[in-house]
Amino acid sequence: METNTLLLLSLALLSLICFSTSFSPVDNFLFNCGSNTNTSFTPTDSRIFLPDSTEQGPVFLSKGQSISLKNQNPSPNSPTLYSTARVFTTASSYQFNIKRNGTHLVRFHFSPFKAQGFDLSTAKFSIFGNGNLLLSDFSTKVVVLKEYILRVDGNALEILFSPVGESSFGFVNAIEVFSAPKDFILDEGAKLVSANGIEVYKNLSSHVLETIHRINVGGSKLVPFNDTLWRTWIPDEDFLVLKSAAKRAVTTHVPNYQSGGASREIAPENVYMTAQQMNKDNNPLQSRFNITWNFPVGSGGVRHLVRLHFCDIVSTSLNQLYFDVYLNDYSAYNDLDLSSLTFHVLSSPMYIDFIVDSNDLGAVQVSIGPSAVSSLMKVNAILNGVEIMKMVNPSHLHGGSKKRTVWIVVASSIGGFVLCLAVFVGILACKCKKKKPKPTRVESAGWTPLRVYGGSTHSRMSEVTVNEYRSLKIPFADVQLATNNFDNSLIIGSGGFESDSKPSREPRDDSNANAPELTTPRIAPQAPSINTETETDSGDGPSEIRNSQVFSQLMTNDGR
């Protein structure tokens, strides 16, 4: 315990020595909003925040409805930077003249207080950066620092504050805008991790990122004074799922920064000089387990950039350390060998960028564990730092634009087809109205009585008049079809065509219960048979029944 304390004190002393080589951004805007004096963030912060005004050099504050407020009763522990604020009662913006295009860091400081009739804790507003929505319907009752990483391609950056609601307003205590190192966000190299496997993710710098977590794994809290980009890093203990699975690793040796690897601007030296490793002291024989961190990020299904920092400070020689990395229980990197990735140099900082969606619980889970290729005596896994940034405007150009294009094409095709079909149906309907309706032929396989008035809804000739029946010319083949070739089982009565016919008094079949009994035939007893009453055309056309008495008999069968 005493050894670890001495090592941490050594790291603090080392940071004072190494901080002399600081990063000097090309664009560097630090503003103390609502104030008319210069001030620093903390007594140890060498940066000077200038007062904002309606117009000052490379920055222009639009002349909207804004008010300068001063806290008359500040907390003794509150930074001087938070004793003033600028309040926006209407949409107002800052214009920053940009000298170098590329990635920039933008930070907003919020510390609500009451002054001049305004209670800043009741403010509700949105913030836009060059048209990109950064904060939506934001409100806070506590001190908050919001950091965004965005790319500026033009010669200006506009930060717009827009109150939400007629009686609401916006506010800000301080603003930081400065250019990031060129290699801070790379378009190539990130890996998209999901249930479908691992894919290459491109155009990362085109996304607006919001910093959610910045973790110094195995170390203590780092304040902006310890970071060349003035960032704050917090310890990891509160995020460990099982604290007994991890063991702190610390070194006093300065990391071996190399070209092509991580730089001091990517992460400070203190991050790479501490780590968490597998704790095998409790059970040396049980060497197959993972160390897991659970980082809440808000809602589930949101895309995040997860930057993992590594520096092998536990191995005594090269190619001893192999381990696996998991994100949300998905395999992100198998058999990770830091020696091969750092050009065979120990204690050389590096980082790997992953893209992953938050899980259903609104968290991002990071796990490290032993690799299958690790030797039994060298089983271990380490992690030095974690950064999690939410993609504010995930356009999903990677793999998503193709899907949207396909859906657009499909929707257009379906729409065109439906339109053509509607036009065709309309034309067809018009033609049908112009045509004279014709009676439809009964296609029953059995002999069904023809009904003149009303009748069954299944009859398709219920609207045909008697005169139309008498003028019909029915082909002989249709008669054969309707009577099943004159099947005797379909006869519903006798008489009318035989010389000795008499009225039938036989019981009727239930299927024809509605048919009336045959009365005395109207044709003569000695009338010719049906064969003599059916005339056949001499031509090639079909045979036709022309004797109207046959239809008279049929009408009698229908109950008339």
Protein backbone atom coordinates (compact mmCIF):
# COMPACT_ATOMS: atom_id res chain seq x y z
CA MET A 1 0.00 0.00 0.00
CA GLU A 2 2.81 2.41 0.89
CA THR A 3 4.63 1.52 -2.33
CA ASN A 4 1.57 2.41 -4.43
CA THR A 5 1.22 5.72 -2.59
CA LEU A 6 4.85 6.62 -3.29
CA LEU A 7 4.41 5.71 -6.94
CA LEU A 8 1.36 7.96 -7.28
CA LEU A 9 3.22 10.84 -5.65
CA SER A 10 6.05 10.28 -8.10
CA LEU A 11 3.58 10.49 -10.97
CA ALA A 12 2.24 13.80 -9.70
CA LEU A 13 5.76 15.21 -9.48
CA LEU A 14 6.58 13.90 -12.94
CA SER A 15 3.55 15.63 -14.41
CA LEU A 16 4.85 19.00 -13.19
CA ILE A 17 8.12 18.42 -15.03
CA CYS A 18 6.63 17.11 -18.28
CA PHE A 19 3.87 19.70 -18.58
CA SER A 20 6.33 22.34 -19.79
CA THR A 21 5.93 20.92 -23.31
CA SER A 22 2.30 21.89 -23.90
CA PHE A 23 0.13 21.83 -26.98
CA SER A 24 -0.39 25.16 -28.77
CA PRO A 25 -3.56 25.05 -30.90
CA VAL A 26 -3.81 27.23 -34.00
CA ASP A 27 -7.37 28.27 -33.13
CA ASN A 28 -7.75 29.02 -29.44
CA PHE A 29 -10.82 30.87 -28.09
CA LEU A 30 -11.43 31.02 -24.34
CA PHE A 31 -14.30 33.26 -23.19
CA ASN A 32 -15.57 34.27 -19.79
CA CYS A 33 -19.19 34.87 -20.73
CA GLY A 34 -21.05 37.76 -19.17
CA SER A 35 -17.88 39.22 -17.69
CA ASN A 36 -15.81 42.30 -18.49
CA THR A 37 -12.55 41.04 -16.96
CA ASN A 38 -9.98 38.35 -17.68
CA THR A 39 -9.89 35.31 -15.45
CA SER A 40 -8.48 31.76 -15.24
CA PHE A 41 -10.40 28.56 -14.65
CA THR A 42 -8.41 27.55 -11.57
CA PRO A 43 -5.36 29.06 -9.83
CA THR A 44 -3.16 26.35 -11.38
CA ASP A 45 -4.58 26.88 -14.89
CA SER A 46 -2.28 29.04 -16.96
CA ARG A 47 -4.94 29.72 -19.55
CA ILE A 48 -6.68 33.09 -19.57
CA PHE A 49 -10.38 33.41 -20.37
CA LEU A 50 -11.23 36.72 -22.00
CA PRO A 51 -14.52 38.57 -21.56
CA ASP A 52 -17.07 38.16 -24.34
CA SER A 53 -18.55 41.24 -25.96
CA THR A 54 -20.61 42.26 -28.96
CA GLU A 55 -17.48 42.34 -31.08
CA GLN A 56 -13.93 41.46 -30.15
CA GLY A 57 -11.34 40.58 -32.77
CA PRO A 58 -11.98 37.17 -34.33
CA VAL A 59 -15.21 36.59 -32.37
CA PHE A 60 -18.57 38.24 -32.94
CA LEU A 61 -21.55 37.98 -30.58
CA SER A 62 -24.77 38.64 -32.45
CA LYS A 63 -26.78 41.55 -31.14
CA GLY A 64 -29.74 39.51 -30.00
CA GLN A 65 -31.48 39.77 -26.67
CA SER A 66 -28.68 38.80 -24.24
CA ILE A 67 -27.97 39.90 -20.69
CA SER A 68 -24.83 39.77 -18.55
CA LEU A 69 -25.38 38.35 -15.05
CA LYS A 70 -23.11 38.30 -12.00
CA ASN A 71 -23.53 36.00 -9.02
CA GLN A 72 -23.58 38.18 -5.91
CA ASN A 73 -23.24 35.21 -3.53
CA PRO A 74 -20.82 32.74 -5.14
CA SER A 75 -19.76 29.60 -3.33
CA PRO A 76 -16.28 29.81 -1.77
CA ASN A 77 -15.21 26.68 -3.67
CA SER A 78 -16.65 27.81 -6.99
CA PRO A 79 -14.19 28.94 -9.69
CA THR A 80 -14.18 32.62 -10.50
CA LEU A 81 -15.07 31.67 -14.06
CA TYR A 82 -18.51 30.58 -12.83
CA SER A 83 -19.41 33.83 -11.06
CA THR A 84 -20.78 35.37 -14.27
CA ALA A 85 -23.01 34.19 -17.11
CA ARG A 86 -24.56 35.40 -20.31
CA VAL A 87 -28.32 34.90 -20.65
CA PHE A 88 -30.06 34.65 -24.03
CA THR A 89 -33.75 35.57 -24.10
CA THR A 90 -33.91 35.13 -27.88
CA ALA A 91 -31.91 33.11 -30.37
CA SER A 92 -28.33 34.44 -30.34
CA SER A 93 -25.04 33.16 -31.64
CA TYR A 94 -21.26 33.48 -31.42
CA GLN A 95 -19.24 33.61 -34.64
CA PHE A 96 -15.66 32.28 -34.44
CA ASN A 97 -13.24 32.98 -37.29
CA ILE A 98 -11.38 29.71 -37.97
CA LYS A 99 -7.81 29.78 -39.25
CA ARG A 100 -7.27 26.06 -39.80
CA ASN A 101 -9.91 23.62 -40.96
CA GLY A 102 -10.22 20.28 -39.28
CA THR A 103 -11.25 18.79 -35.94
CA HIS A 104 -12.01 21.22 -33.11
CA LEU A 105 -12.93 20.81 -29.46
CA VAL A 106 -15.83 22.86 -28.15
CA ARG A 107 -16.64 23.05 -24.43
CA PHE A 108 -19.56 24.71 -22.65
CA HIS A 109 -19.45 25.50 -18.93
CA PHE A 110 -22.76 25.68 -17.06
CA SER A 111 -23.08 26.71 -13.42
CA PRO A 112 -26.60 27.94 -12.59
CA PHE A 113 -27.25 30.66 -10.01
CA LYS A 114 -29.87 33.29 -9.22
CA ALA A 115 -29.41 36.96 -10.09
CA GLN A 116 -31.47 39.93 -11.34
CA GLY A 117 -34.70 37.98 -11.38
CA PHE A 118 -33.26 35.04 -13.35
CA ASP A 119 -33.02 31.53 -11.95
CA LEU A 120 -30.59 29.84 -14.31
CA SER A 121 -31.63 26.39 -13.06
CA THR A 122 -35.00 26.90 -14.80
CA ALA A 123 -33.49 27.71 -18.20
CA LYS A 124 -34.32 25.45 -21.11
CA PHE A 125 -32.60 25.76 -24.46
CA SER A 126 -30.85 24.04 -27.37
CA ILE A 127 -27.40 24.63 -28.83
CA PHE A 128 -26.33 24.26 -32.46
CA GLY A 129 -22.82 24.16 -33.91
CA ASN A 130 -22.72 25.11 -37.60
CA GLY A 131 -26.25 23.78 -37.93
CA ASN A 132 -25.57 20.53 -36.04
CA LEU A 133 -27.78 19.99 -32.99
CA LEU A 134 -25.46 19.60 -30.01
CA LEU A 135 -27.79 20.01 -27.03
CA SER A 136 -31.55 19.55 -27.22
CA ASP A 137 -33.97 20.98 -24.63
CA PHE A 138 -31.13 21.25 -22.14
CA SER A 139 -31.63 22.22 -18.51
CA THR A 140 -29.45 21.73 -15.43
CA LYS A 141 -29.52 22.42 -11.72
CA VAL A 142 -25.87 21.47 -11.10
CA VAL A 143 -22.48 22.41 -12.53
CA VAL A 144 -21.99 20.72 -15.91
CA LEU A 145 -19.19 20.71 -18.48
CA LYS A 146 -20.20 19.62 -21.98
CA GLU A 147 -17.46 18.75 -24.48
CA TYR A 148 -17.94 18.19 -28.21
CA ILE A 149 -15.57 17.18 -30.98
CA LEU A 150 -16.54 18.39 -34.45
CA ARG A 151 -14.96 19.11 -37.78
CA VAL A 152 -14.98 22.63 -39.19
CA ASP A 153 -14.52 22.80 -42.98
CA GLY A 154 -15.15 26.52 -43.52
CA ASN A 155 -13.60 29.69 -42.18
CA ALA A 156 -16.19 30.20 -39.44
CA LEU A 157 -17.87 28.33 -36.61
CA GLU A 158 -21.29 29.51 -35.43
CA ILE A 159 -22.52 28.54 -31.97
CA LEU A 160 -26.25 29.25 -31.70
CA PHE A 161 -28.22 29.36 -28.43
CA SER A 162 -31.95 28.91 -28.96
CA PRO A 163 -34.39 29.15 -26.00
CA VAL A 164 -37.13 26.50 -25.88
CA GLY A 165 -40.59 27.93 -25.15
CA GLU A 166 -41.87 31.47 -25.13
CA SER A 167 -40.94 32.22 -21.52
CA SER A 168 -37.66 30.30 -21.42
CA PHE A 169 -34.08 31.41 -21.94
CA GLY A 170 -30.57 30.03 -22.34
CA PHE A 171 -27.30 30.73 -20.61
CA VAL A 172 -23.60 29.85 -20.55
CA ASN A 173 -20.77 30.70 -18.14
CA ALA A 174 -17.77 30.01 -20.37
CA ILE A 175 -16.92 28.71 -23.84
CA GLU A 176 -13.79 27.00 -25.15
CA VAL A 177 -13.12 26.52 -28.87
CA PHE A 178 -9.71 25.30 -30.02
CA SER A 179 -8.29 23.18 -32.80
CA ALA A 180 -7.33 19.58 -32.04
CA PRO A 181 -4.15 17.79 -33.14
CA LYS A 182 -4.25 16.51 -36.71
CA ASP A 183 -4.28 12.85 -35.66
CA PHE A 184 -6.89 13.28 -32.93
CA ILE A 185 -9.75 11.71 -34.93
CA LEU A 186 -8.76 9.55 -37.89
CA ASP A 187 -11.13 8.60 -40.69
CA GLU A 188 -9.55 5.18 -41.11
CA GLY A 189 -8.86 2.46 -38.59
CA ALA A 190 -11.98 2.32 -36.42
CA LYS A 191 -13.74 -1.04 -36.07
CA LEU A 192 -17.52 -1.42 -35.94
CA VAL A 193 -18.39 -4.17 -33.43
CA SER A 194 -21.85 -5.73 -33.48
CA ALA A 195 -23.70 -9.05 -33.54
CA ASN A 196 -22.77 -9.30 -37.24
CA GLY A 197 -19.05 -9.32 -36.46
CA ILE A 198 -16.35 -6.72 -36.98
CA GLU A 199 -16.31 -4.27 -39.89
CA VAL A 200 -14.13 -1.34 -40.91
CA TYR A 201 -15.71 2.01 -40.08
CA LYS A 202 -14.86 5.00 -42.29
CA ASN A 203 -15.36 8.78 -42.24
CA LEU A 204 -15.26 8.96 -38.45
CA SER A 205 -14.26 12.64 -38.39
CA SER A 206 -17.48 13.61 -40.19
CA HIS A 207 -19.47 12.85 -37.03
CA VAL A 208 -20.06 15.19 -34.11
CA LEU A 209 -18.94 13.49 -30.89
CA GLU A 210 -19.98 14.26 -27.33
CA THR A 211 -17.64 13.10 -24.58
CA ILE A 212 -19.49 10.91 -22.06
CA HIS A 213 -16.67 9.22 -20.10
CA ARG A 214 -12.92 9.77 -19.86
CA ILE A 215 -11.40 7.16 -17.52
CA ASN A 216 -7.88 6.81 -16.10
CA VAL A 217 -7.90 3.05 -15.52
CA GLY A 218 -5.88 2.04 -12.47
CA GLY A 219 -4.96 5.65 -11.69
CA SER A 220 -6.22 8.68 -9.83
CA LYS A 221 -8.16 11.71 -11.05
CA LEU A 222 -6.35 13.91 -13.55
CA VAL A 223 -7.32 17.58 -13.73
CA PRO A 224 -6.88 19.88 -16.77
CA PHE A 225 -3.49 20.96 -15.43
CA ASN A 226 -2.22 17.38 -16.00
CA ASP A 227 -3.44 17.21 -19.61
CA THR A 228 -2.11 19.06 -22.65
CA LEU A 229 -5.66 19.39 -23.98
CA TRP A 230 -6.99 20.47 -20.56
CA ARG A 231 -9.14 17.37 -20.04
CA THR A 232 -10.31 15.73 -16.84
CA TRP A 233 -9.83 11.98 -16.31
CA ILE A 234 -11.56 10.14 -13.47
CA PRO A 235 -10.71 6.79 -11.78
CA ASP A 236 -12.33 3.53 -12.85
CA GLU A 237 -13.21 1.87 -9.51
CA ASP A 238 -16.88 2.88 -9.60
CA PHE A 239 -17.34 1.20 -12.99
CA LEU A 240 -15.77 -2.18 -12.19
CA VAL A 241 -18.36 -4.96 -12.14
CA LEU A 242 -16.19 -7.16 -9.86
CA LYS A 243 -13.46 -5.19 -8.16
CA SER A 244 -11.72 -8.30 -6.81
CA ALA A 245 -11.03 -9.43 -10.40
CA ALA A 246 -8.73 -6.45 -11.05
CA LYS A 247 -5.34 -5.52 -9.66
CA ARG A 248 -3.68 -2.14 -10.10
CA ALA A 249 -0.43 -1.87 -12.06
CA VAL A 250 1.76 1.25 -11.78
CA THR A 251 5.13 2.27 -13.19
CA THR A 252 7.40 5.29 -12.72
CA HIS A 253 9.00 4.95 -16.14
CA VAL A 254 8.00 7.51 -18.74
CA PRO A 255 6.11 5.91 -21.64
CA ASN A 256 7.98 5.32 -24.88
CA TYR A 257 5.96 7.51 -27.27
CA GLN A 258 6.59 6.55 -30.90
CA SER A 259 5.66 8.03 -34.24
CA GLY A 260 2.51 6.32 -35.48
CA GLY A 261 1.35 5.47 -31.98
CA ALA A 262 -0.40 7.51 -29.32
CA SER A 263 0.86 11.01 -28.56
CA ARG A 264 0.67 13.08 -25.38
CA GLU A 265 -2.34 14.86 -26.89
CA ILE A 266 -4.14 11.54 -27.38
CA ALA A 267 -3.70 10.84 -23.66
CA PRO A 268 -1.30 12.18 -21.03
CA GLU A 269 1.59 10.15 -19.66
CA ASN A 270 -0.19 9.48 -16.38
CA VAL A 271 -2.85 7.48 -18.19
CA TYR A 272 -0.29 5.12 -19.72
CA MET A 273 1.67 4.75 -16.47
CA THR A 274 -1.20 3.05 -14.63
CA ALA A 275 -3.43 0.12 -15.55
CA GLN A 276 -5.68 -2.62 -14.27
CA GLN A 277 -4.56 -6.22 -14.74
CA MET A 278 -5.97 -9.63 -13.84
CA ASN A 279 -5.87 -10.32 -10.12
CA LYS A 280 -4.64 -13.90 -9.79
CA ASP A 281 -3.55 -13.55 -6.15
CA ASN A 282 -6.82 -14.86 -4.73
CA ASN A 283 -6.81 -18.02 -6.83
CA PRO A 284 -3.65 -18.63 -8.85
CA LEU A 285 -5.07 -21.83 -10.36
CA GLN A 286 -8.14 -20.07 -11.72
CA SER A 287 -6.59 -17.99 -14.48
CA ARG A 288 -9.47 -17.90 -16.96
CA PHE A 289 -11.68 -14.94 -16.11
CA ASN A 290 -12.44 -11.45 -17.42
CA ILE A 291 -12.26 -7.96 -15.97
CA THR A 292 -15.42 -6.04 -16.85
CA TRP A 293 -16.37 -2.36 -16.65
CA ASN A 294 -19.94 -1.11 -17.08
CA PHE A 295 -20.29 2.50 -18.25
CA PRO A 296 -23.79 4.07 -18.23
CA VAL A 297 -24.31 6.27 -21.29
CA GLY A 298 -28.04 7.02 -21.22
CA SER A 299 -30.44 5.43 -23.67
CA GLY A 300 -29.89 2.13 -25.47
CA GLY A 301 -29.20 1.61 -29.15
CA VAL A 302 -27.13 4.80 -29.51
CA ARG A 303 -23.87 4.63 -31.45
CA HIS A 304 -20.66 5.46 -29.58
CA LEU A 305 -16.95 5.76 -30.22
CA VAL A 306 -15.04 3.72 -27.64
CA ARG A 307 -11.33 4.52 -27.50
CA LEU A 308 -9.26 2.04 -25.48
CA HIS A 309 -5.74 2.98 -24.37
CA PHE A 310 -3.01 0.35 -23.89
CA CYS A 311 0.58 0.39 -22.70
CA ASP A 312 2.35 -2.81 -21.65
CA ILE A 313 3.80 -1.93 -18.26
CA VAL A 314 3.45 -5.45 -16.80
CA SER A 315 5.60 -7.61 -19.12
CA THR A 316 9.31 -8.19 -18.55
CA SER A 317 9.99 -9.13 -22.16
CA LEU A 318 8.34 -8.95 -25.57
CA ASN A 319 5.56 -11.23 -26.82
CA GLN A 320 4.52 -12.43 -23.39
CA LEU A 321 1.14 -10.70 -23.21
CA TYR A 322 -1.81 -11.91 -25.28
CA PHE A 323 -5.42 -11.13 -24.39
CA ASP A 324 -8.91 -10.63 -25.83
CA VAL A 325 -11.14 -7.55 -25.82
CA TYR A 326 -14.96 -7.59 -25.69
CA LEU A 327 -17.56 -4.84 -26.09
CA ASN A 328 -21.12 -5.54 -24.92
CA ASP A 329 -20.18 -9.24 -24.84
CA TYR A 330 -19.19 -9.14 -28.53
CA SER A 331 -15.66 -10.08 -29.50
CA ALA A 332 -13.81 -6.89 -30.50
CA TYR A 333 -10.18 -8.07 -30.69
CA ASN A 334 -8.77 -11.59 -30.33
CA ASP A 335 -5.19 -12.40 -29.34
CA LEU A 336 -4.19 -8.75 -28.90
CA ASP A 337 -0.38 -8.61 -28.88
CA LEU A 338 0.81 -5.15 -27.86
CA SER A 339 4.41 -5.98 -28.76
CA SER A 340 3.62 -6.44 -32.44
CA LEU A 341 1.42 -3.32 -32.58
CA THR A 342 4.06 -1.08 -30.97
CA PHE A 343 6.96 -2.14 -33.21
CA HIS A 344 8.31 -4.50 -30.54
CA VAL A 345 8.83 -1.86 -27.88
CA LEU A 346 7.62 -2.31 -24.31
CA SER A 347 5.82 0.49 -22.46
CA SER A 348 4.85 2.11 -25.76
CA PRO A 349 1.41 3.86 -25.71
CA MET A 350 -1.22 2.96 -28.27
CA TYR A 351 -4.97 3.13 -28.65
CA ILE A 352 -7.67 1.35 -30.65
CA ASP A 353 -10.95 2.93 -31.76
CA PHE A 354 -14.15 0.89 -31.76
CA ILE A 355 -17.70 1.81 -32.81
CA VAL A 356 -20.45 0.13 -30.83
CA ASP A 357 -24.12 0.68 -29.98
CA SER A 358 -25.12 0.97 -26.33
CA ASN A 359 -26.94 -2.08 -24.99
CA ASP A 360 -30.59 -2.32 -23.97
CA LEU A 361 -29.72 -1.13 -20.45
CA GLY A 362 -28.24 2.10 -21.80
CA ALA A 363 -24.64 1.17 -21.09
CA VAL A 364 -21.41 0.24 -22.84
CA GLN A 365 -19.64 -2.77 -21.35
CA VAL A 366 -15.89 -3.24 -21.78
CA SER A 367 -14.20 -6.54 -20.90
CA ILE A 368 -10.66 -7.90 -21.18
CA GLY A 369 -9.59 -11.50 -20.63
CA PRO A 370 -6.88 -14.05 -21.38
CA SER A 371 -6.27 -15.26 -24.91
CA ALA A 372 -6.35 -18.89 -25.93
CA VAL A 373 -2.74 -18.59 -27.14
CA SER A 374 -1.44 -17.34 -23.79
CA SER A 375 1.01 -19.62 -22.00
CA LEU A 376 -0.18 -20.93 -18.65
CA MET A 377 2.43 -18.97 -16.70
CA LYS A 378 1.89 -15.70 -18.62
CA VAL A 379 -1.90 -15.42 -18.57
CA ASN A 380 -2.86 -11.77 -18.13
CA ALA A 381 -4.80 -8.83 -19.60
CA ILE A 382 -4.45 -5.07 -19.08
CA LEU A 383 -6.25 -1.80 -19.79
CA ASN A 384 -4.88 1.73 -19.21
CA GLY A 385 -7.64 4.10 -20.24
CA VAL A 386 -11.13 4.39 -21.71
CA GLU A 387 -12.87 7.20 -23.57
CA ILE A 388 -16.52 6.93 -24.62
CA MET A 389 -18.03 9.52 -26.96
CA LYS A 390 -21.59 9.57 -28.21
CA MET A 391 -22.23 10.18 -31.90
CA VAL A 392 -24.54 13.18 -31.84
CA ASN A 393 -25.47 13.03 -35.52
CA PRO A 394 -24.94 9.39 -36.56
CA SER A 395 -25.80 9.58 -40.26
CA HIS A 396 -24.86 5.86 -40.54
CA LEU A 397 -23.14 6.46 -43.86
CA HIS A 398 -21.26 3.28 -43.16
CA GLY A 399 -23.51 0.50 -44.36
CA GLY A 400 -26.63 2.61 -43.91
CA SER A 401 -26.78 4.70 -47.06
CA LYS A 402 -27.05 1.64 -49.25
CA LYS A 403 -30.06 0.41 -47.30
CA ARG A 404 -31.77 3.78 -47.53
CA THR A 405 -31.06 3.93 -51.28
CA VAL A 406 -32.55 0.47 -51.77
CA TRP A 407 -35.68 1.41 -49.86
CA ILE A 408 -36.05 4.60 -51.86
CA VAL A 409 -35.79 2.67 -55.13
CA VAL A 410 -38.26 0.02 -53.93
CA ALA A 411 -40.73 2.63 -52.71
CA SER A 412 -40.48 4.53 -56.00
CA SER A 413 -41.05 1.34 -58.01
CA ILE A 414 -44.07 0.36 -55.93
CA GLY A 415 -45.49 3.87 -56.20
CA GLY A 416 -45.09 3.86 -59.97
CA PHE A 417 -46.72 0.44 -60.26
CA VAL A 418 -49.68 1.49 -58.11
CA LEU A 419 -50.14 4.64 -60.21
CA CYS A 420 -50.13 2.69 -63.47
CA LEU A 421 -52.52 0.13 -62.01
CA ALA A 422 -54.93 2.89 -60.92
CA VAL A 423 -54.89 4.42 -64.42
CA PHE A 424 -55.51 1.02 -66.02
CA VAL A 425 -58.43 0.27 -63.67
CA GLY A 426 -59.93 3.70 -64.40
CA ILE A 427 -59.76 3.18 -68.17
CA LEU A 428 -61.20 -0.32 -67.82
CA ALA A 429 -64.07 0.98 -65.70
CA CYS A 430 -64.93 3.60 -68.31
CA LYS A 431 -65.02 1.02 -71.08
CA CYS A 432 -67.24 -1.28 -69.04
CA LYS A 433 -69.76 1.50 -68.51
CA LYS A 434 -70.03 2.11 -72.27
CA LYS A 435 -70.71 -1.55 -73.08
CA LYS A 436 -74.33 -2.84 -73.06
CA PRO A 437 -74.70 -5.41 -70.28
CA LYS A 438 -75.31 -8.95 -71.49
CA PRO A 439 -76.99 -11.74 -69.51
CA THR A 440 -74.50 -14.20 -68.10
CA ARG A 441 -74.85 -17.85 -68.99
CA VAL A 442 -75.62 -20.26 -66.19
CA GLU A 443 -72.73 -22.67 -65.80
CA SER A 444 -74.28 -25.08 -63.32
CA ALA A 445 -73.54 -28.75 -63.86
CA GLY A 446 -77.09 -29.59 -62.75
CA TRP A 447 -80.50 -28.53 -64.01
CA THR A 448 -81.41 -25.37 -62.08
CA PRO A 449 -84.80 -23.68 -62.68
CA LEU A 450 -84.51 -20.26 -64.27
CA ARG A 451 -86.08 -17.53 -62.12
CA VAL A 452 -87.69 -14.44 -63.55
CA TYR A 453 -88.40 -12.22 -60.52
CA GLY A 454 -86.23 -12.09 -57.40
CA GLY A 455 -85.19 -15.62 -56.67
CA SER A 456 -82.01 -16.95 -55.13
CA THR A 457 -79.01 -14.66 -54.83
CA HIS A 458 -77.00 -17.44 -56.44
CA SER A 459 -78.94 -17.11 -59.70
CA ARG A 460 -77.08 -14.92 -62.20
CA MET A 461 -80.14 -14.37 -64.46
CA SER A 462 -82.68 -13.11 -61.94
CA GLU A 463 -83.13 -9.79 -63.76
CA VAL A 464 -83.97 -11.24 -67.21
CA THR A 465 -87.54 -10.69 -68.38
CA VAL A 466 -89.92 -13.28 -69.85
CA ASN A 467 -89.65 -11.79 -73.31
CA GLU A 468 -85.89 -12.11 -73.13
CA TYR A 469 -86.29 -15.78 -72.23
CA ARG A 470 -88.50 -16.32 -75.23
CA SER A 471 -86.00 -14.68 -77.57
CA LEU A 472 -83.04 -16.68 -76.35
CA LYS A 473 -81.25 -19.08 -78.68
CA ILE A 474 -79.55 -21.75 -76.58
CA PRO A 475 -76.97 -24.01 -78.22
CA PHE A 476 -77.72 -27.69 -78.00
CA ALA A 477 -74.35 -28.32 -76.34
CA ASP A 478 -75.38 -26.02 -73.49
CA VAL A 479 -78.57 -28.00 -72.97
CA GLN A 480 -76.53 -31.20 -72.80
CA LEU A 481 -74.21 -29.60 -70.26
CA ALA A 482 -77.07 -28.28 -68.12
CA THR A 483 -78.88 -31.68 -68.08
CA ASN A 484 -75.73 -33.75 -67.71
CA ASN A 485 -76.46 -35.24 -71.13
CA PHE A 486 -80.17 -35.65 -70.25
CA ASP A 487 -79.52 -37.67 -67.12
CA ASN A 488 -82.81 -39.31 -65.99
CA SER A 489 -81.90 -38.71 -62.33
CA LEU A 490 -82.30 -34.97 -62.91
CA ILE A 491 -85.94 -35.19 -64.14
CA ILE A 492 -88.21 -33.20 -61.82
CA GLY A 493 -91.52 -34.41 -63.30
CA SER A 494 -93.10 -36.26 -66.22
CA GLY A 495 -95.34 -35.08 -69.05
CA GLY A 496 -95.21 -32.60 -71.84
CA PHE A 497 -93.24 -34.65 -74.32
CA GLU A 498 -94.74 -38.17 -74.14
CA SER A 499 -98.04 -39.17 -75.81
CA ASP A 500 -99.42 -40.71 -72.63
CA SER A 501 -98.04 -38.17 -70.19
CA LYS A 502 -99.94 -37.45 -67.00
CA PRO A 503 -99.34 -35.04 -64.18
CA SER A 504 -96.67 -36.36 -61.80
CA ARG A 505 -97.67 -36.87 -58.16
CA GLU A 506 -94.48 -38.55 -57.05
CA PRO A 507 -92.71 -37.15 -53.99
CA ARG A 508 -90.02 -34.69 -54.87
CA ASP A 509 -86.41 -34.82 -53.86
CA ASP A 510 -85.53 -32.53 -50.92
CA SER A 511 -82.99 -30.76 -53.03
CA ASN A 512 -85.86 -29.47 -55.21
CA ALA A 513 -88.34 -28.79 -52.44
CA ASN A 514 -88.98 -25.31 -53.68
CA ALA A 515 -89.96 -26.47 -57.20
CA PRO A 516 -93.78 -26.73 -57.72
CA GLU A 517 -95.44 -29.90 -58.98
CA LEU A 518 -96.08 -30.13 -62.71
CA THR A 519 -99.60 -29.29 -63.77
CA THR A 520 -101.39 -30.62 -66.84
CA PRO A 521 -99.13 -30.00 -69.83
CA ARG A 522 -100.21 -27.26 -72.20
CA ILE A 523 -99.01 -29.04 -75.28
CA ALA A 524 -101.12 -31.70 -77.02
CA PRO A 525 -100.95 -35.29 -75.79
CA GLN A 526 -99.89 -36.40 -79.23
CA ALA A 527 -97.16 -33.77 -79.54
CA PRO A 528 -93.96 -34.89 -81.19
CA SER A 529 -91.07 -35.95 -79.01
CA ILE A 530 -88.21 -33.65 -78.16
CA ASN A 531 -86.13 -35.02 -81.00
CA THR A 532 -88.74 -33.79 -83.57
CA GLU A 533 -89.10 -30.45 -81.78
CA THR A 534 -85.36 -29.68 -81.97
CA GLU A 535 -84.13 -28.23 -85.21
CA THR A 536 -80.54 -28.47 -86.31
CA ASP A 537 -78.90 -25.88 -88.47
CA SER A 538 -77.63 -27.19 -91.73
CA GLY A 539 -74.52 -25.06 -91.53
CA ASP A 540 -71.40 -25.49 -89.48
CA GLY A 541 -72.84 -23.54 -86.52
CA PRO A 542 -74.05 -25.20 -83.36
CA SER A 543 -77.51 -26.77 -83.05
CA GLU A 544 -80.11 -24.44 -81.55
CA ILE A 545 -83.53 -25.02 -79.93
CA ARG A 546 -86.07 -22.86 -81.70
CA ASN A 547 -89.43 -24.18 -80.37
CA SER A 548 -90.81 -21.50 -78.02
CA GLN A 549 -93.07 -24.10 -76.43
CA VAL A 550 -90.05 -25.66 -74.77
CA PHE A 551 -89.43 -22.39 -72.91
CA SER A 552 -93.12 -22.12 -72.11
CA GLN A 553 -92.86 -25.50 -70.40
CA LEU A 554 -89.72 -24.38 -68.57
CA MET A 555 -91.54 -21.30 -67.30
CA THR A 556 -94.34 -23.53 -66.07
CA ASN A 557 -91.76 -25.59 -64.16
CA ASP A 558 -90.67 -22.40 -62.35
CA GLY A 559 -94.09 -22.03 -60.77
CA ARG A 560 -95.77 -19.55 -63.05
